[in-house]
Amino acid sequence: MRLEHFLKLQLSMEHKNKLENIKSSIEELFDKSTNEKNALLESIEMLWLDASIKKKKRETSLPENLNSNVVRIRQLLAAAWLEDLKE
């Protein structure tokens, strides 16, 4: 009878130790996942900032028909100046 009681107690202790190990593993993984999440958020923020800086640095490309508009504006200005000179 004492032996049975001792074996039950021993099994109970082993079970309790296994549960504690599982609990500590879960807590450790939770902490690691929190750290990883924070690192990813910082990384995303840095990429976002880098992308916005690169976007601002990007050279603006002008449309092809803009050159013809610029030429037309220059012609009109030249004509206006010519009229002013005539007066």
N, C-alpha and C. Protein backbone atom coordinates (compact mmCIF):
# COMPACT_ATOMS: atom_id res chain seq x y z
N MET A 1 0.82 -1.19 0.00
CA MET A 1 0.00 0.00 0.00
C MET A 1 0.86 1.26 0.00
N ARG A 2 1.90 1.26 0.81
CA ARG A 2 2.80 2.40 0.85
C ARG A 2 3.52 2.55 -0.48
N LEU A 3 3.85 1.45 -1.08
CA LEU A 3 4.53 1.48 -2.37
C LEU A 3 3.62 2.08 -3.44
N GLU A 4 2.37 1.72 -3.43
CA GLU A 4 1.42 2.29 -4.39
C GLU A 4 1.28 3.80 -4.18
N HIS A 5 1.19 4.19 -2.95
CA HIS A 5 1.07 5.61 -2.62
C HIS A 5 2.32 6.36 -3.09
N PHE A 6 3.48 5.78 -2.85
CA PHE A 6 4.74 6.39 -3.27
C PHE A 6 4.80 6.50 -4.79
N LEU A 7 4.39 5.45 -5.52
CA LEU A 7 4.41 5.47 -6.99
C LEU A 7 3.45 6.53 -7.53
N LYS A 8 2.27 6.64 -6.94
CA LYS A 8 1.31 7.67 -7.36
C LYS A 8 1.88 9.06 -7.14
N LEU A 9 2.51 9.25 -5.99
CA LEU A 9 3.12 10.54 -5.68
C LEU A 9 4.24 10.85 -6.66
N GLN A 10 5.03 9.85 -7.00
CA GLN A 10 6.14 10.03 -7.94
C GLN A 10 5.59 10.38 -9.33
N LEU A 11 4.55 9.68 -9.77
CA LEU A 11 3.95 9.99 -11.06
C LEU A 11 3.35 11.39 -11.07
N SER A 12 2.76 11.77 -9.96
CA SER A 12 2.18 13.10 -9.84
C SER A 12 3.27 14.17 -9.94
N MET A 13 4.41 13.93 -9.31
CA MET A 13 5.52 14.88 -9.35
C MET A 13 6.08 14.99 -10.77
N GLU A 14 6.22 13.84 -11.45
CA GLU A 14 6.72 13.84 -12.82
C GLU A 14 5.76 14.61 -13.73
N HIS A 15 4.48 14.36 -13.54
CA HIS A 15 3.47 15.06 -14.32
C HIS A 15 3.54 16.56 -14.07
N LYS A 16 3.71 16.94 -12.81
CA LYS A 16 3.80 18.35 -12.46
C LYS A 16 5.04 18.97 -13.09
N ASN A 17 6.17 18.27 -13.08
CA ASN A 17 7.40 18.77 -13.69
C ASN A 17 7.23 18.96 -15.19
N LYS A 18 6.56 17.99 -15.83
CA LYS A 18 6.33 18.11 -17.27
C LYS A 18 5.45 19.32 -17.58
N LEU A 19 4.42 19.51 -16.77
CA LEU A 19 3.55 20.67 -16.96
C LEU A 19 4.31 21.99 -16.78
N GLU A 20 5.18 22.03 -15.79
CA GLU A 20 5.99 23.23 -15.56
C GLU A 20 6.92 23.48 -16.75
N ASN A 21 7.51 22.42 -17.28
CA ASN A 21 8.38 22.56 -18.45
C ASN A 21 7.61 23.10 -19.65
N ILE A 22 6.42 22.56 -19.86
CA ILE A 22 5.59 23.03 -20.97
C ILE A 22 5.20 24.48 -20.76
N LYS A 23 4.84 24.82 -19.55
CA LYS A 23 4.45 26.20 -19.24
C LYS A 23 5.61 27.16 -19.49
N SER A 24 6.79 26.79 -19.02
CA SER A 24 7.95 27.67 -19.21
C SER A 24 8.31 27.77 -20.70
N SER A 25 8.15 26.68 -21.44
CA SER A 25 8.41 26.72 -22.88
C SER A 25 7.46 27.66 -23.59
N ILE A 26 6.20 27.59 -23.22
CA ILE A 26 5.20 28.47 -23.84
C ILE A 26 5.50 29.93 -23.51
N GLU A 27 5.85 30.21 -22.26
CA GLU A 27 6.18 31.58 -21.88
C GLU A 27 7.42 32.08 -22.62
N GLU A 28 8.42 31.21 -22.77
CA GLU A 28 9.64 31.58 -23.49
C GLU A 28 9.34 31.87 -24.95
N LEU A 29 8.53 31.03 -25.59
CA LEU A 29 8.16 31.25 -26.98
C LEU A 29 7.34 32.52 -27.15
N PHE A 30 6.48 32.79 -26.19
CA PHE A 30 5.68 34.02 -26.23
C PHE A 30 6.60 35.25 -26.18
N ASP A 31 7.58 35.21 -25.27
CA ASP A 31 8.52 36.33 -25.17
C ASP A 31 9.32 36.50 -26.46
N LYS A 32 9.77 35.37 -27.01
CA LYS A 32 10.54 35.45 -28.26
C LYS A 32 9.69 35.98 -29.41
N SER A 33 8.42 35.56 -29.46
CA SER A 33 7.56 36.04 -30.54
C SER A 33 7.27 37.53 -30.37
N THR A 34 7.15 37.99 -29.14
CA THR A 34 6.94 39.43 -28.90
C THR A 34 8.16 40.21 -29.36
N ASN A 35 9.35 39.72 -29.04
CA ASN A 35 10.58 40.39 -29.48
C ASN A 35 10.68 40.39 -31.00
N GLU A 36 10.34 39.28 -31.62
CA GLU A 36 10.39 39.19 -33.08
C GLU A 36 9.38 40.14 -33.72
N LYS A 37 8.20 40.23 -33.12
CA LYS A 37 7.17 41.14 -33.63
C LYS A 37 7.66 42.58 -33.57
N ASN A 38 8.27 42.96 -32.45
CA ASN A 38 8.79 44.32 -32.31
C ASN A 38 9.89 44.59 -33.33
N ALA A 39 10.76 43.61 -33.53
CA ALA A 39 11.84 43.78 -34.51
C ALA A 39 11.27 43.94 -35.92
N LEU A 40 10.25 43.17 -36.24
CA LEU A 40 9.62 43.29 -37.56
C LEU A 40 8.95 44.65 -37.73
N LEU A 41 8.29 45.13 -36.69
CA LEU A 41 7.66 46.45 -36.78
C LEU A 41 8.69 47.54 -37.01
N GLU A 42 9.81 47.47 -36.31
CA GLU A 42 10.88 48.45 -36.50
C GLU A 42 11.44 48.36 -37.92
N SER A 43 11.59 47.14 -38.40
CA SER A 43 12.11 46.93 -39.74
C SER A 43 11.16 47.50 -40.79
N ILE A 44 9.87 47.26 -40.60
CA ILE A 44 8.87 47.80 -41.53
C ILE A 44 8.88 49.32 -41.51
N GLU A 45 8.98 49.91 -40.32
CA GLU A 45 9.03 51.36 -40.22
C GLU A 45 10.25 51.92 -40.94
N MET A 46 11.40 51.25 -40.78
CA MET A 46 12.62 51.72 -41.46
C MET A 46 12.47 51.61 -42.98
N LEU A 47 11.89 50.49 -43.45
CA LEU A 47 11.67 50.34 -44.89
C LEU A 47 10.71 51.39 -45.41
N TRP A 48 9.68 51.70 -44.63
CA TRP A 48 8.70 52.70 -45.02
C TRP A 48 9.38 54.07 -45.15
N LEU A 49 10.19 54.41 -44.15
CA LEU A 49 10.89 55.70 -44.20
C LEU A 49 11.86 55.75 -45.37
N ASP A 50 12.57 54.65 -45.59
CA ASP A 50 13.52 54.59 -46.70
C ASP A 50 12.80 54.75 -48.03
N ALA A 51 11.65 54.10 -48.16
CA ALA A 51 10.89 54.20 -49.40
C ALA A 51 10.40 55.62 -49.63
N SER A 52 9.95 56.28 -48.56
CA SER A 52 9.46 57.65 -48.73
C SER A 52 10.61 58.60 -49.09
N ILE A 53 11.79 58.36 -48.53
CA ILE A 53 12.95 59.19 -48.88
C ILE A 53 13.34 58.96 -50.33
N LYS A 54 13.37 57.69 -50.75
CA LYS A 54 13.71 57.40 -52.14
C LYS A 54 12.67 57.99 -53.09
N LYS A 55 11.40 57.97 -52.68
CA LYS A 55 10.35 58.53 -53.51
C LYS A 55 10.56 60.03 -53.68
N LYS A 56 10.97 60.70 -52.59
CA LYS A 56 11.21 62.13 -52.68
C LYS A 56 12.45 62.43 -53.52
N LYS A 57 13.44 61.54 -53.46
CA LYS A 57 14.68 61.77 -54.21
C LYS A 57 14.52 61.46 -55.69
N ARG A 58 13.51 60.65 -56.03
CA ARG A 58 13.33 60.24 -57.42
C ARG A 58 13.18 61.46 -58.31
N GLU A 59 13.87 61.43 -59.40
CA GLU A 59 13.81 62.54 -60.33
C GLU A 59 12.45 62.54 -61.01
N THR A 60 11.87 63.70 -61.08
CA THR A 60 10.55 63.77 -61.69
C THR A 60 10.69 63.64 -63.20
N SER A 61 9.90 62.76 -63.75
CA SER A 61 9.93 62.59 -65.21
C SER A 61 8.79 63.40 -65.79
N LEU A 62 9.12 64.16 -66.78
CA LEU A 62 8.13 65.01 -67.41
C LEU A 62 7.50 64.29 -68.59
N PRO A 63 6.23 64.50 -68.81
CA PRO A 63 5.58 63.86 -69.95
C PRO A 63 6.15 64.35 -71.28
N GLU A 64 6.04 63.53 -72.31
CA GLU A 64 6.61 63.86 -73.61
C GLU A 64 5.98 65.12 -74.21
N ASN A 65 4.66 65.28 -74.08
CA ASN A 65 3.99 66.43 -74.70
C ASN A 65 4.29 67.73 -73.96
N LEU A 66 4.96 67.65 -72.82
CA LEU A 66 5.28 68.86 -72.07
C LEU A 66 6.27 69.72 -72.84
N ASN A 67 7.19 69.10 -73.56
CA ASN A 67 8.17 69.87 -74.33
C ASN A 67 7.49 70.75 -75.37
N SER A 68 6.46 70.22 -76.02
CA SER A 68 5.75 71.04 -77.01
C SER A 68 5.02 72.19 -76.32
N ASN A 69 4.51 71.95 -75.10
CA ASN A 69 3.85 73.02 -74.35
C ASN A 69 4.86 74.11 -73.98
N VAL A 70 6.04 73.71 -73.58
CA VAL A 70 7.08 74.68 -73.20
C VAL A 70 7.47 75.51 -74.42
N VAL A 71 7.61 74.86 -75.55
CA VAL A 71 7.96 75.58 -76.78
C VAL A 71 6.87 76.59 -77.13
N ARG A 72 5.61 76.17 -76.99
CA ARG A 72 4.50 77.08 -77.31
C ARG A 72 4.47 78.27 -76.36
N ILE A 73 4.72 78.03 -75.08
CA ILE A 73 4.76 79.13 -74.10
C ILE A 73 5.89 80.10 -74.44
N ARG A 74 7.03 79.57 -74.82
CA ARG A 74 8.16 80.44 -75.21
C ARG A 74 7.80 81.28 -76.43
N GLN A 75 7.13 80.66 -77.38
CA GLN A 75 6.72 81.41 -78.58
C GLN A 75 5.77 82.55 -78.22
N LEU A 76 4.81 82.24 -77.33
CA LEU A 76 3.86 83.28 -76.93
C LEU A 76 4.55 84.41 -76.16
N LEU A 77 5.49 84.05 -75.30
CA LEU A 77 6.23 85.09 -74.57
C LEU A 77 7.06 85.94 -75.51
N ALA A 78 7.70 85.28 -76.47
CA ALA A 78 8.50 86.04 -77.44
C ALA A 78 7.62 86.99 -78.25
N ALA A 79 6.43 86.50 -78.64
CA ALA A 79 5.51 87.36 -79.38
C ALA A 79 5.05 88.54 -78.52
N ALA A 80 4.78 88.29 -77.25
CA ALA A 80 4.35 89.36 -76.36
C ALA A 80 5.45 90.38 -76.17
N TRP A 81 6.68 89.93 -76.01
CA TRP A 81 7.81 90.87 -75.85
C TRP A 81 8.01 91.68 -77.14
N LEU A 82 7.83 91.01 -78.25
CA LEU A 82 7.99 91.71 -79.53
C LEU A 82 6.95 92.82 -79.66
N GLU A 83 5.72 92.54 -79.25
CA GLU A 83 4.65 93.56 -79.27
C GLU A 83 4.99 94.72 -78.35
N ASP A 84 5.55 94.39 -77.16
CA ASP A 84 5.93 95.44 -76.22
C ASP A 84 7.04 96.30 -76.79
N LEU A 85 7.98 95.69 -77.53
CA LEU A 85 9.08 96.46 -78.11
C LEU A 85 8.59 97.38 -79.21
N LYS A 86 7.57 96.95 -79.95
CA LYS A 86 7.03 97.76 -81.04
C LYS A 86 6.37 99.02 -80.52
N GLU A 87 5.80 98.94 -79.33
CA GLU A 87 5.10 100.12 -78.79
C GLU A 87 6.07 101.10 -78.26
